[in-house]
PDB file of N, CA and C in Angstrom:
ATOM      1  N   MET A   1     -19.851  24.142 -20.141  1.00  0.00           N
ATOM      2  CA  MET A   1     -19.964  23.872 -18.732  1.00  0.00           C
ATOM      3  C   MET A   1     -19.843  25.191 -17.984  1.00  0.00           C
ATOM      4  N   SER A   2     -20.787  25.458 -17.140  1.00  0.00           N
ATOM      5  CA  SER A   2     -20.739  26.711 -16.389  1.00  0.00           C
ATOM      6  C   SER A   2     -19.765  26.602 -15.226  1.00  0.00           C
ATOM      7  N   ARG A   3     -19.255  27.714 -14.812  1.00  0.00           N
ATOM      8  CA  ARG A   3     -18.265  27.755 -13.732  1.00  0.00           C
ATOM      9  C   ARG A   3     -18.859  27.258 -12.415  1.00  0.00           C
ATOM     10  N   ALA A   4     -20.124  27.475 -12.182  1.00  0.00           N
ATOM     11  CA  ALA A   4     -20.756  27.102 -10.915  1.00  0.00           C
ATOM     12  C   ALA A   4     -20.869  25.588 -10.754  1.00  0.00           C
ATOM     13  N   SER A   5     -21.001  24.846 -11.833  1.00  0.00           N
ATOM     14  CA  SER A   5     -21.179  23.399 -11.711  1.00  0.00           C
ATOM     15  C   SER A   5     -19.871  22.626 -11.831  1.00  0.00           C
ATOM     16  N   TYR A   6     -18.768  23.293 -12.083  1.00  0.00           N
ATOM     17  CA  TYR A   6     -17.494  22.616 -12.236  1.00  0.00           C
ATOM     18  C   TYR A   6     -16.924  22.254 -10.868  1.00  0.00           C
ATOM     19  N   ILE A   7     -16.525  21.006 -10.702  1.00  0.00           N
ATOM     20  CA  ILE A   7     -15.898  20.544  -9.468  1.00  0.00           C
ATOM     21  C   ILE A   7     -14.488  20.096  -9.814  1.00  0.00           C
ATOM     22  N   ALA A   8     -13.512  20.746  -9.225  1.00  0.00           N
ATOM     23  CA  ALA A   8     -12.124  20.396  -9.490  1.00  0.00           C
ATOM     24  C   ALA A   8     -11.807  19.068  -8.822  1.00  0.00           C
ATOM     25  N   ARG A   9     -11.250  18.156  -9.583  1.00  0.00           N
ATOM     26  CA  ARG A   9     -10.868  16.849  -9.061  1.00  0.00           C
ATOM     27  C   ARG A   9      -9.375  16.638  -9.325  1.00  0.00           C
ATOM     28  N   PRO A  10      -8.673  16.092  -8.339  1.00  0.00           N
ATOM     29  CA  PRO A  10      -7.239  15.878  -8.566  1.00  0.00           C
ATOM     30  C   PRO A  10      -7.004  14.788  -9.599  1.00  0.00           C
ATOM     31  N   THR A  11      -5.948  14.938 -10.315  1.00  0.00           N
ATOM     32  CA  THR A  11      -5.583  13.897 -11.281  1.00  0.00           C
ATOM     33  C   THR A  11      -4.962  12.727 -10.543  1.00  0.00           C
ATOM     34  N   GLU A  12      -4.754  11.654 -11.239  1.00  0.00           N
ATOM     35  CA  GLU A  12      -4.149  10.478 -10.610  1.00  0.00           C
ATOM     36  C   GLU A  12      -2.750  10.798 -10.108  1.00  0.00           C
ATOM     37  N   ARG A  13      -1.989  11.536 -10.889  1.00  0.00           N
ATOM     38  CA  ARG A  13      -0.629  11.894 -10.460  1.00  0.00           C
ATOM     39  C   ARG A  13      -0.642  12.745  -9.208  1.00  0.00           C
ATOM     40  N   ALA A  14      -1.560  13.696  -9.136  1.00  0.00           N
ATOM     41  CA  ALA A  14      -1.645  14.549  -7.950  1.00  0.00           C
ATOM     42  C   ALA A  14      -2.043  13.728  -6.729  1.00  0.00           C
ATOM     43  N   ALA A  15      -2.925  12.768  -6.908  1.00  0.00           N
ATOM     44  CA  ALA A  15      -3.340  11.920  -5.792  1.00  0.00           C
ATOM     45  C   ALA A  15      -2.182  11.040  -5.325  1.00  0.00           C
ATOM     46  N   ILE A  16      -1.395  10.523  -6.253  1.00  0.00           N
ATOM     47  CA  ILE A  16      -0.255   9.695  -5.890  1.00  0.00           C
ATOM     48  C   ILE A  16       0.791  10.536  -5.161  1.00  0.00           C
ATOM     49  N   ARG A  17       1.045  11.752  -5.653  1.00  0.00           N
ATOM     50  CA  ARG A  17       1.998  12.640  -4.973  1.00  0.00           C
ATOM     51  C   ARG A  17       1.540  12.961  -3.565  1.00  0.00           C
ATOM     52  N   ALA A  18       0.251  13.223  -3.392  1.00  0.00           N
ATOM     53  CA  ALA A  18      -0.277  13.540  -2.067  1.00  0.00           C
ATOM     54  C   ALA A  18      -0.152  12.344  -1.123  1.00  0.00           C
ATOM     55  N   ALA A  19      -0.399  11.157  -1.639  1.00  0.00           N
ATOM     56  CA  ALA A  19      -0.265   9.956  -0.811  1.00  0.00           C
ATOM     57  C   ALA A  19       1.193   9.699  -0.456  1.00  0.00           C
ATOM     58  N   ALA A  20       2.104  10.009  -1.359  1.00  0.00           N
ATOM     59  CA  ALA A  20       3.519   9.788  -1.113  1.00  0.00           C
ATOM     60  C   ALA A  20       4.059  10.751  -0.053  1.00  0.00           C
ATOM     61  N   ARG A  21       3.450  11.921   0.082  1.00  0.00           N
ATOM     62  CA  ARG A  21       3.903  12.893   1.080  1.00  0.00           C
ATOM     63  C   ARG A  21       3.566  12.462   2.500  1.00  0.00           C
ATOM     64  N   SER A  22       2.509  11.681   2.665  1.00  0.00           N
ATOM     65  CA  SER A  22       2.112  11.273   4.009  1.00  0.00           C
ATOM     66  C   SER A  22       2.792   9.958   4.364  1.00  0.00           C
ATOM     67  N   GLY A  23       3.426   9.941   5.499  1.00  0.00           N
ATOM     68  CA  GLY A  23       4.116   8.736   5.931  1.00  0.00           C
ATOM     69  C   GLY A  23       3.144   7.744   6.550  1.00  0.00           C
ATOM     70  N   ARG A  24       3.281   6.520   6.137  1.00  0.00           N
ATOM     71  CA  ARG A  24       2.447   5.466   6.707  1.00  0.00           C
ATOM     72  C   ARG A  24       3.360   4.438   7.330  1.00  0.00           C
ATOM     73  N   PRO A  25       3.288   4.276   8.650  1.00  0.00           N
ATOM     74  CA  PRO A  25       4.166   3.286   9.277  1.00  0.00           C
ATOM     75  C   PRO A  25       3.778   1.867   8.870  1.00  0.00           C
ATOM     76  N   LEU A  26       4.783   1.064   8.617  1.00  0.00           N
ATOM     77  CA  LEU A  26       4.540  -0.328   8.258  1.00  0.00           C
ATOM     78  C   LEU A  26       4.446  -1.168   9.527  1.00  0.00           C
ATOM     79  N   PRO A  27       3.649  -2.223   9.498  1.00  0.00           N
ATOM     80  CA  PRO A  27       3.619  -3.137  10.639  1.00  0.00           C
ATOM     81  C   PRO A  27       4.979  -3.806  10.814  1.00  0.00           C
ATOM     82  N   SER A  28       5.205  -4.385  11.983  1.00  0.00           N
ATOM     83  CA  SER A  28       6.480  -5.047  12.235  1.00  0.00           C
ATOM     84  C   SER A  28       6.607  -6.297  11.361  1.00  0.00           C
ATOM     85  N   VAL A  29       7.839  -6.689  11.099  1.00  0.00           N
ATOM     86  CA  VAL A  29       8.087  -7.863  10.271  1.00  0.00           C
ATOM     87  C   VAL A  29       7.495  -9.123  10.902  1.00  0.00           C
ATOM     88  N   PRO A  30       7.609  -9.334  12.228  1.00  0.00           N
ATOM     89  CA  PRO A  30       6.972 -10.536  12.796  1.00  0.00           C
ATOM     90  C   PRO A  30       5.452 -10.569  12.587  1.00  0.00           C
ATOM     91  N   ALA A  31       4.799  -9.418  12.681  1.00  0.00           N
ATOM     92  CA  ALA A  31       3.350  -9.379  12.444  1.00  0.00           C
ATOM     93  C   ALA A  31       3.035  -9.693  10.983  1.00  0.00           C
ATOM     94  N   LEU A  32       3.856  -9.199  10.083  1.00  0.00           N
ATOM     95  CA  LEU A  32       3.654  -9.479   8.661  1.00  0.00           C
ATOM     96  C   LEU A  32       3.933 -10.944   8.339  1.00  0.00           C
ATOM     97  N   MET A  33       4.929 -11.518   9.008  1.00  0.00           N
ATOM     98  CA  MET A  33       5.217 -12.943   8.801  1.00  0.00           C
ATOM     99  C   MET A  33       4.039 -13.796   9.278  1.00  0.00           C
ATOM    100  N   ALA A  34       3.427 -13.409  10.391  1.00  0.00           N
ATOM    101  CA  ALA A  34       2.249 -14.129  10.891  1.00  0.00           C
ATOM    102  C   ALA A  34       1.108 -14.039   9.880  1.00  0.00           C
ATOM    103  N   ALA A  35       0.947 -12.866   9.273  1.00  0.00           N
ATOM    104  CA  ALA A  35      -0.094 -12.695   8.255  1.00  0.00           C
ATOM    105  C   ALA A  35       0.210 -13.543   7.026  1.00  0.00           C
ATOM    106  N   LEU A  36       1.485 -13.635   6.671  1.00  0.00           N
ATOM    107  CA  LEU A  36       1.885 -14.463   5.536  1.00  0.00           C
ATOM    108  C   LEU A  36       1.588 -15.940   5.798  1.00  0.00           C
ATOM    109  N   ILE A  37       1.919 -16.399   6.990  1.00  0.00           N
ATOM    110  CA  ILE A  37       1.647 -17.796   7.345  1.00  0.00           C
ATOM    111  C   ILE A  37       0.149 -18.064   7.350  1.00  0.00           C
ATOM    112  N   GLU A  38      -0.617 -17.137   7.906  1.00  0.00           N
ATOM    113  CA  GLU A  38      -2.083 -17.298   7.942  1.00  0.00           C
ATOM    114  C   GLU A  38      -2.665 -17.358   6.528  1.00  0.00           C
ATOM    115  N   ALA A  39      -2.206 -16.459   5.661  1.00  0.00           N
ATOM    116  CA  ALA A  39      -2.706 -16.456   4.279  1.00  0.00           C
ATOM    117  C   ALA A  39      -2.311 -17.742   3.566  1.00  0.00           C
ATOM    118  N   ASN A  40      -1.108 -18.229   3.832  1.00  0.00           N
ATOM    119  CA  ASN A  40      -0.661 -19.470   3.209  1.00  0.00           C
ATOM    120  C   ASN A  40      -1.493 -20.659   3.699  1.00  0.00           C
ATOM    121  N   ASP A  41      -1.789 -20.687   4.991  1.00  0.00           N
ATOM    122  CA  ASP A  41      -2.621 -21.766   5.545  1.00  0.00           C
ATOM    123  C   ASP A  41      -4.020 -21.771   4.944  1.00  0.00           C
ATOM    124  N   ARG A  42      -4.519 -20.608   4.613  1.00  0.00           N
ATOM    125  CA  ARG A  42      -5.868 -20.494   4.037  1.00  0.00           C
ATOM    126  C   ARG A  42      -5.870 -20.605   2.511  1.00  0.00           C
ATOM    127  N   ALA A  43      -4.704 -20.824   1.927  1.00  0.00           N
ATOM    128  CA  ALA A  43      -4.548 -20.918   0.467  1.00  0.00           C
ATOM    129  C   ALA A  43      -5.031 -19.647  -0.231  1.00  0.00           C
ATOM    130  N   ASP A  44      -4.763 -18.503   0.415  1.00  0.00           N
ATOM    131  CA  ASP A  44      -5.141 -17.196  -0.130  1.00  0.00           C
ATOM    132  C   ASP A  44      -3.950 -16.647  -0.914  1.00  0.00           C
ATOM    133  N   ARG A  45      -3.940 -16.883  -2.220  1.00  0.00           N
ATOM    134  CA  ARG A  45      -2.796 -16.482  -3.042  1.00  0.00           C
ATOM    135  C   ARG A  45      -2.590 -14.975  -3.057  1.00  0.00           C
ATOM    136  N   GLU A  46      -3.676 -14.223  -3.125  1.00  0.00           N
ATOM    137  CA  GLU A  46      -3.558 -12.759  -3.121  1.00  0.00           C
ATOM    138  C   GLU A  46      -3.025 -12.266  -1.772  1.00  0.00           C
ATOM    139  N   GLY A  47      -3.495 -12.866  -0.689  1.00  0.00           N
ATOM    140  CA  GLY A  47      -3.004 -12.496   0.639  1.00  0.00           C
ATOM    141  C   GLY A  47      -1.531 -12.813   0.808  1.00  0.00           C
ATOM    142  N   VAL A  48      -1.100 -13.948   0.296  1.00  0.00           N
ATOM    143  CA  VAL A  48       0.317 -14.319   0.351  1.00  0.00           C
ATOM    144  C   VAL A  48       1.141 -13.306  -0.427  1.00  0.00           C
ATOM    145  N   ASN A  49       0.673 -12.949  -1.592  1.00  0.00           N
ATOM    146  CA  ASN A  49       1.389 -11.977  -2.427  1.00  0.00           C
ATOM    147  C   ASN A  49       1.497 -10.623  -1.718  1.00  0.00           C
ATOM    148  N   LEU A  50       0.387 -10.148  -1.171  1.00  0.00           N
ATOM    149  CA  LEU A  50       0.400  -8.855  -0.481  1.00  0.00           C
ATOM    150  C   LEU A  50       1.303  -8.883   0.743  1.00  0.00           C
ATOM    151  N   ALA A  51       1.190  -9.937   1.546  1.00  0.00           N
ATOM    152  CA  ALA A  51       2.009 -10.026   2.753  1.00  0.00           C
ATOM    153  C   ALA A  51       3.492 -10.111   2.406  1.00  0.00           C
ATOM    154  N   ALA A  52       3.833 -10.871   1.401  1.00  0.00           N
ATOM    155  CA  ALA A  52       5.235 -10.996   1.000  1.00  0.00           C
ATOM    156  C   ALA A  52       5.803  -9.655   0.535  1.00  0.00           C
ATOM    157  N   HIS A  53       5.033  -8.914  -0.234  1.00  0.00           N
ATOM    158  CA  HIS A  53       5.497  -7.602  -0.691  1.00  0.00           C
ATOM    159  C   HIS A  53       5.644  -6.629   0.479  1.00  0.00           C
ATOM    160  N   ARG A  54       4.722  -6.689   1.427  1.00  0.00           N
ATOM    161  CA  ARG A  54       4.815  -5.809   2.595  1.00  0.00           C
ATOM    162  C   ARG A  54       6.031  -6.156   3.453  1.00  0.00           C
ATOM    163  N   ILE A  55       6.365  -7.427   3.537  1.00  0.00           N
ATOM    164  CA  ILE A  55       7.545  -7.841   4.303  1.00  0.00           C
ATOM    165  C   ILE A  55       8.805  -7.260   3.671  1.00  0.00           C
ATOM    166  N   VAL A  56       8.897  -7.327   2.359  1.00  0.00           N
ATOM    167  CA  VAL A  56      10.063  -6.770   1.669  1.00  0.00           C
ATOM    168  C   VAL A  56      10.144  -5.265   1.900  1.00  0.00           C
ATOM    169  N   ARG A  57       9.024  -4.578   1.795  1.00  0.00           N
ATOM    170  CA  ARG A  57       9.040  -3.123   2.001  1.00  0.00           C
ATOM    171  C   ARG A  57       9.386  -2.763   3.435  1.00  0.00           C
ATOM    172  N   ALA A  58       8.931  -3.564   4.412  1.00  0.00           N
ATOM    173  CA  ALA A  58       9.221  -3.277   5.811  1.00  0.00           C
ATOM    174  C   ALA A  58      10.674  -3.557   6.160  1.00  0.00           C
ATOM    175  N   SER A  59      11.258  -4.578   5.529  1.00  0.00           N
ATOM    176  CA  SER A  59      12.633  -4.936   5.864  1.00  0.00           C
ATOM    177  C   SER A  59      13.654  -4.097   5.100  1.00  0.00           C
ATOM    178  N   GLU A  60      13.316  -3.618   3.934  1.00  0.00           N
ATOM    179  CA  GLU A  60      14.211  -2.776   3.130  1.00  0.00           C
ATOM    180  C   GLU A  60      13.479  -1.497   2.737  1.00  0.00           C
ATOM    181  N   PRO A  61      13.553  -0.426   3.537  1.00  0.00           N
ATOM    182  CA  PRO A  61      12.776   0.779   3.265  1.00  0.00           C
ATOM    183  C   PRO A  61      13.051   1.431   1.907  1.00  0.00           C
ATOM    184  N   GLY A  62      14.215   1.230   1.321  1.00  0.00           N
ATOM    185  CA  GLY A  62      14.525   1.849   0.036  1.00  0.00           C
ATOM    186  C   GLY A  62      13.947   1.132  -1.155  1.00  0.00           C
ATOM    187  N   VAL A  63      13.366  -0.046  -0.963  1.00  0.00           N
ATOM    188  CA  VAL A  63      12.834  -0.838  -2.071  1.00  0.00           C
ATOM    189  C   VAL A  63      11.564  -0.198  -2.591  1.00  0.00           C
ATOM    190  N   GLY A  64      11.452  -0.079  -3.899  1.00  0.00           N
ATOM    191  CA  GLY A  64      10.230   0.419  -4.531  1.00  0.00           C
ATOM    192  C   GLY A  64      10.094   1.928  -4.551  1.00  0.00           C
ATOM    193  N   GLU A  65      11.156   2.632  -4.278  1.00  0.00           N
ATOM    194  CA  GLU A  65      11.049   4.093  -4.293  1.00  0.00           C
ATOM    195  C   GLU A  65      11.772   4.689  -5.452  1.00  0.00           C
TER     196      GLU A  65
END
């Protein structure tokens, strides 16, 4: 492989580290609860799972770190 055609790409670990450095504000718990209720009403199991996990992360910032 010649040097001119090589494109450096970050590894998965480097991408995860870079994402972890940037702060992303979480939505408020009432907004997440509304999303959970909406997903439950629509029988969206994946949406319920995602909303429930986001609620836990928003209410307990130390969880999952």
